[in-house]
N, C-alpha and C. Protein backbone atom coordinates (compact mmCIF):
# COMPACT_ATOMS: atom_id res chain seq x y z
N UNK A 1 20.11 -4.47 16.64
CA UNK A 1 18.82 -4.36 15.98
C UNK A 1 18.51 -5.69 15.30
N UNK A 2 17.28 -6.13 15.47
CA UNK A 2 16.88 -7.40 14.89
C UNK A 2 16.66 -7.25 13.38
N UNK A 3 16.78 -8.38 12.71
CA UNK A 3 16.58 -8.40 11.26
C UNK A 3 15.16 -7.96 10.89
N UNK A 4 14.16 -8.35 11.71
CA UNK A 4 12.79 -7.96 11.42
C UNK A 4 12.63 -6.44 11.47
N UNK A 5 13.31 -5.79 12.41
CA UNK A 5 13.21 -4.33 12.50
C UNK A 5 13.81 -3.67 11.26
N UNK A 6 14.91 -4.20 10.80
CA UNK A 6 15.55 -3.66 9.59
C UNK A 6 14.66 -3.87 8.38
N UNK A 7 14.07 -5.05 8.27
CA UNK A 7 13.16 -5.33 7.14
C UNK A 7 11.93 -4.43 7.20
N UNK A 8 11.36 -4.24 8.38
CA UNK A 8 10.21 -3.37 8.53
C UNK A 8 10.53 -1.94 8.15
N UNK A 9 11.69 -1.45 8.56
CA UNK A 9 12.12 -0.11 8.19
C UNK A 9 12.32 0.00 6.69
N UNK A 10 12.90 -1.03 6.09
CA UNK A 10 13.11 -1.03 4.65
C UNK A 10 11.80 -0.99 3.89
N UNK A 11 10.81 -1.75 4.32
CA UNK A 11 9.50 -1.75 3.67
C UNK A 11 8.85 -0.37 3.80
N UNK A 12 8.90 0.19 4.99
CA UNK A 12 8.31 1.52 5.20
C UNK A 12 9.00 2.57 4.34
N UNK A 13 10.32 2.50 4.26
CA UNK A 13 11.07 3.46 3.45
C UNK A 13 10.75 3.31 1.97
N UNK A 14 10.64 2.07 1.50
CA UNK A 14 10.33 1.82 0.09
C UNK A 14 8.97 2.40 -0.28
N UNK A 15 7.94 2.12 0.53
CA UNK A 15 6.61 2.60 0.19
C UNK A 15 6.48 4.11 0.38
N UNK A 16 7.26 4.68 1.28
CA UNK A 16 7.30 6.14 1.39
C UNK A 16 7.90 6.74 0.12
N UNK A 17 8.96 6.14 -0.37
CA UNK A 17 9.59 6.59 -1.62
C UNK A 17 8.60 6.50 -2.78
N UNK A 18 7.85 5.39 -2.88
CA UNK A 18 6.87 5.24 -3.95
C UNK A 18 5.80 6.32 -3.87
N UNK A 19 5.32 6.62 -2.66
CA UNK A 19 4.31 7.65 -2.50
C UNK A 19 4.81 9.03 -2.90
N UNK A 20 6.03 9.34 -2.49
CA UNK A 20 6.61 10.64 -2.84
C UNK A 20 6.83 10.75 -4.34
N UNK A 21 7.27 9.66 -4.98
CA UNK A 21 7.49 9.73 -6.43
C UNK A 21 6.17 9.89 -7.17
N UNK A 22 5.09 9.30 -6.68
CA UNK A 22 3.78 9.48 -7.32
C UNK A 22 3.28 10.92 -7.13
N UNK A 23 3.54 11.49 -5.97
CA UNK A 23 3.16 12.89 -5.76
C UNK A 23 3.96 13.81 -6.67
N UNK A 24 5.21 13.49 -6.90
CA UNK A 24 6.03 14.30 -7.80
C UNK A 24 5.52 14.20 -9.23
N UNK A 25 5.07 13.01 -9.65
CA UNK A 25 4.49 12.86 -10.99
C UNK A 25 3.22 13.68 -11.12
N UNK A 26 2.40 13.68 -10.07
CA UNK A 26 1.18 14.51 -10.10
C UNK A 26 1.56 15.98 -10.18
N UNK A 27 2.57 16.38 -9.43
CA UNK A 27 3.00 17.77 -9.42
C UNK A 27 3.49 18.21 -10.80
N UNK A 28 4.05 17.29 -11.55
CA UNK A 28 4.55 17.59 -12.91
C UNK A 28 3.48 17.39 -13.98
N UNK A 29 2.22 17.23 -13.55
CA UNK A 29 1.08 17.04 -14.45
C UNK A 29 1.20 15.80 -15.32
N UNK A 30 1.79 14.75 -14.78
CA UNK A 30 1.91 13.52 -15.55
C UNK A 30 0.83 12.50 -15.21
N UNK A 31 0.08 12.72 -14.13
CA UNK A 31 -1.00 11.80 -13.80
C UNK A 31 -2.14 12.58 -13.14
N UNK A 32 -3.38 12.11 -13.35
CA UNK A 32 -4.54 12.79 -12.76
C UNK A 32 -4.58 12.62 -11.24
N UNK A 33 -5.29 13.54 -10.58
CA UNK A 33 -5.36 13.55 -9.12
C UNK A 33 -5.96 12.25 -8.57
N UNK A 34 -7.09 11.80 -9.14
CA UNK A 34 -7.75 10.59 -8.64
C UNK A 34 -6.84 9.38 -8.73
N UNK A 35 -6.16 9.23 -9.86
CA UNK A 35 -5.24 8.10 -10.02
C UNK A 35 -4.10 8.17 -9.02
N UNK A 36 -3.59 9.37 -8.81
CA UNK A 36 -2.47 9.54 -7.88
C UNK A 36 -2.87 9.16 -6.46
N UNK A 37 -4.00 9.67 -6.00
CA UNK A 37 -4.44 9.40 -4.64
C UNK A 37 -4.77 7.92 -4.45
N UNK A 38 -5.43 7.31 -5.43
CA UNK A 38 -5.77 5.89 -5.29
C UNK A 38 -4.53 5.01 -5.30
N UNK A 39 -3.55 5.34 -6.13
CA UNK A 39 -2.31 4.55 -6.16
C UNK A 39 -1.52 4.71 -4.87
N UNK A 40 -1.48 5.91 -4.32
CA UNK A 40 -0.78 6.12 -3.05
C UNK A 40 -1.48 5.35 -1.93
N UNK A 41 -2.81 5.38 -1.92
CA UNK A 41 -3.56 4.63 -0.91
C UNK A 41 -3.32 3.14 -1.01
N UNK A 42 -3.34 2.63 -2.23
CA UNK A 42 -3.10 1.19 -2.42
C UNK A 42 -1.67 0.81 -2.04
N UNK A 43 -0.71 1.67 -2.35
CA UNK A 43 0.67 1.40 -1.95
C UNK A 43 0.82 1.40 -0.43
N UNK A 44 0.11 2.31 0.23
CA UNK A 44 0.17 2.34 1.70
C UNK A 44 -0.43 1.07 2.29
N UNK A 45 -1.51 0.60 1.71
CA UNK A 45 -2.12 -0.64 2.17
C UNK A 45 -1.17 -1.81 1.95
N UNK A 46 -0.51 -1.86 0.80
CA UNK A 46 0.48 -2.91 0.55
C UNK A 46 1.62 -2.85 1.56
N UNK A 47 2.05 -1.64 1.91
CA UNK A 47 3.12 -1.48 2.89
C UNK A 47 2.73 -2.04 4.25
N UNK A 48 1.52 -1.73 4.68
CA UNK A 48 1.04 -2.25 5.96
C UNK A 48 0.94 -3.76 5.90
N UNK A 49 0.45 -4.28 4.79
CA UNK A 49 0.33 -5.73 4.62
C UNK A 49 1.70 -6.41 4.69
N UNK A 50 2.71 -5.81 4.06
CA UNK A 50 4.05 -6.39 4.11
C UNK A 50 4.64 -6.32 5.52
N UNK A 51 4.38 -5.24 6.22
CA UNK A 51 4.89 -5.12 7.60
C UNK A 51 4.24 -6.17 8.50
N UNK A 52 2.94 -6.40 8.33
CA UNK A 52 2.26 -7.44 9.11
C UNK A 52 2.86 -8.80 8.77
N UNK A 53 3.13 -9.05 7.51
CA UNK A 53 3.73 -10.32 7.08
C UNK A 53 5.10 -10.51 7.72
N UNK A 54 5.87 -9.44 7.84
CA UNK A 54 7.21 -9.53 8.42
C UNK A 54 7.14 -9.77 9.92
N UNK A 55 6.29 -9.03 10.63
CA UNK A 55 6.31 -9.06 12.08
C UNK A 55 5.39 -10.09 12.72
N UNK A 56 4.40 -10.57 12.02
CA UNK A 56 3.43 -11.49 12.62
C UNK A 56 3.86 -12.94 12.43
N UNK A 57 3.67 -13.71 13.48
CA UNK A 57 3.92 -15.14 13.40
C UNK A 57 2.62 -15.93 13.28
N UNK A 58 1.50 -15.25 13.38
CA UNK A 58 0.17 -15.87 13.36
C UNK A 58 -0.36 -15.89 11.92
N UNK A 59 -0.58 -17.08 11.39
CA UNK A 59 -1.06 -17.22 10.01
C UNK A 59 -2.47 -16.66 9.84
N UNK A 60 -3.32 -16.80 10.86
CA UNK A 60 -4.67 -16.24 10.77
C UNK A 60 -4.63 -14.72 10.66
N UNK A 61 -3.72 -14.10 11.40
CA UNK A 61 -3.57 -12.65 11.33
C UNK A 61 -3.10 -12.21 9.94
N UNK A 62 -2.20 -12.96 9.34
CA UNK A 62 -1.72 -12.63 8.00
C UNK A 62 -2.83 -12.75 6.97
N UNK A 63 -3.64 -13.83 7.07
CA UNK A 63 -4.76 -14.01 6.14
C UNK A 63 -5.80 -12.92 6.31
N UNK A 64 -6.08 -12.55 7.57
CA UNK A 64 -7.04 -11.48 7.83
C UNK A 64 -6.55 -10.17 7.24
N UNK A 65 -5.26 -9.87 7.40
CA UNK A 65 -4.71 -8.64 6.84
C UNK A 65 -4.79 -8.65 5.32
N UNK A 66 -4.52 -9.79 4.69
CA UNK A 66 -4.66 -9.90 3.23
C UNK A 66 -6.10 -9.62 2.79
N UNK A 67 -7.05 -10.20 3.51
CA UNK A 67 -8.46 -10.02 3.15
C UNK A 67 -8.89 -8.57 3.31
N UNK A 68 -8.50 -7.95 4.42
CA UNK A 68 -8.86 -6.55 4.66
C UNK A 68 -8.18 -5.65 3.63
N UNK A 69 -6.95 -5.99 3.25
CA UNK A 69 -6.24 -5.20 2.24
C UNK A 69 -6.98 -5.24 0.91
N UNK A 70 -7.40 -6.42 0.48
CA UNK A 70 -8.12 -6.54 -0.79
C UNK A 70 -9.46 -5.81 -0.74
N UNK A 71 -10.15 -5.92 0.41
CA UNK A 71 -11.43 -5.23 0.57
C UNK A 71 -11.24 -3.72 0.51
N UNK A 72 -10.20 -3.21 1.15
CA UNK A 72 -9.94 -1.77 1.15
C UNK A 72 -9.54 -1.29 -0.24
N UNK A 73 -8.73 -2.05 -0.96
CA UNK A 73 -8.36 -1.67 -2.32
C UNK A 73 -9.57 -1.64 -3.23
N UNK A 74 -10.48 -2.59 -3.07
CA UNK A 74 -11.71 -2.60 -3.86
C UNK A 74 -12.56 -1.38 -3.52
N UNK A 75 -12.59 -1.02 -2.24
CA UNK A 75 -13.31 0.18 -1.83
C UNK A 75 -12.74 1.43 -2.46
N UNK A 76 -11.42 1.51 -2.54
CA UNK A 76 -10.78 2.65 -3.21
C UNK A 76 -11.17 2.69 -4.68
N UNK A 77 -11.20 1.53 -5.32
CA UNK A 77 -11.60 1.47 -6.73
C UNK A 77 -13.05 1.92 -6.92
N UNK A 78 -13.92 1.51 -6.01
CA UNK A 78 -15.33 1.89 -6.11
C UNK A 78 -15.48 3.40 -5.94
N UNK A 79 -14.78 3.96 -4.97
CA UNK A 79 -14.89 5.39 -4.72
C UNK A 79 -14.34 6.21 -5.88
N UNK A 80 -13.26 5.74 -6.48
CA UNK A 80 -12.65 6.50 -7.57
C UNK A 80 -13.17 6.07 -8.95
N UNK A 81 -14.13 5.15 -8.98
CA UNK A 81 -14.74 4.67 -10.23
C UNK A 81 -13.71 4.11 -11.20
N UNK A 82 -12.77 3.37 -10.69
CA UNK A 82 -11.75 2.76 -11.53
C UNK A 82 -12.12 1.31 -11.80
N UNK A 83 -11.45 0.72 -12.78
CA UNK A 83 -11.65 -0.69 -13.09
C UNK A 83 -11.10 -1.51 -11.94
N UNK A 84 -11.88 -2.49 -11.48
CA UNK A 84 -11.49 -3.27 -10.32
C UNK A 84 -10.74 -4.53 -10.76
N UNK A 85 -9.72 -4.88 -10.00
CA UNK A 85 -8.94 -6.10 -10.23
C UNK A 85 -9.42 -7.17 -9.26
N UNK A 86 -10.06 -8.22 -9.78
CA UNK A 86 -10.51 -9.30 -8.90
C UNK A 86 -9.68 -10.51 -9.12
């Protein structure tokens, strides 16, 4: 198995763990539903961005993924009426 495959699996496992832990916090009434869903969505976007960074050799593709990630996170903030980080 190549090192990139191991790193990709590690990134996917880490962000899956983060999502499950946020769902468990919501289940224990420690965070509101909107915050939980938006944080899980943003974590998933970060996970995809990290996987593209690991597997892609094209710098333009990495920059495009970063831009789309920021745009999508801003969209999540707009939909959930949260404070936006620019």
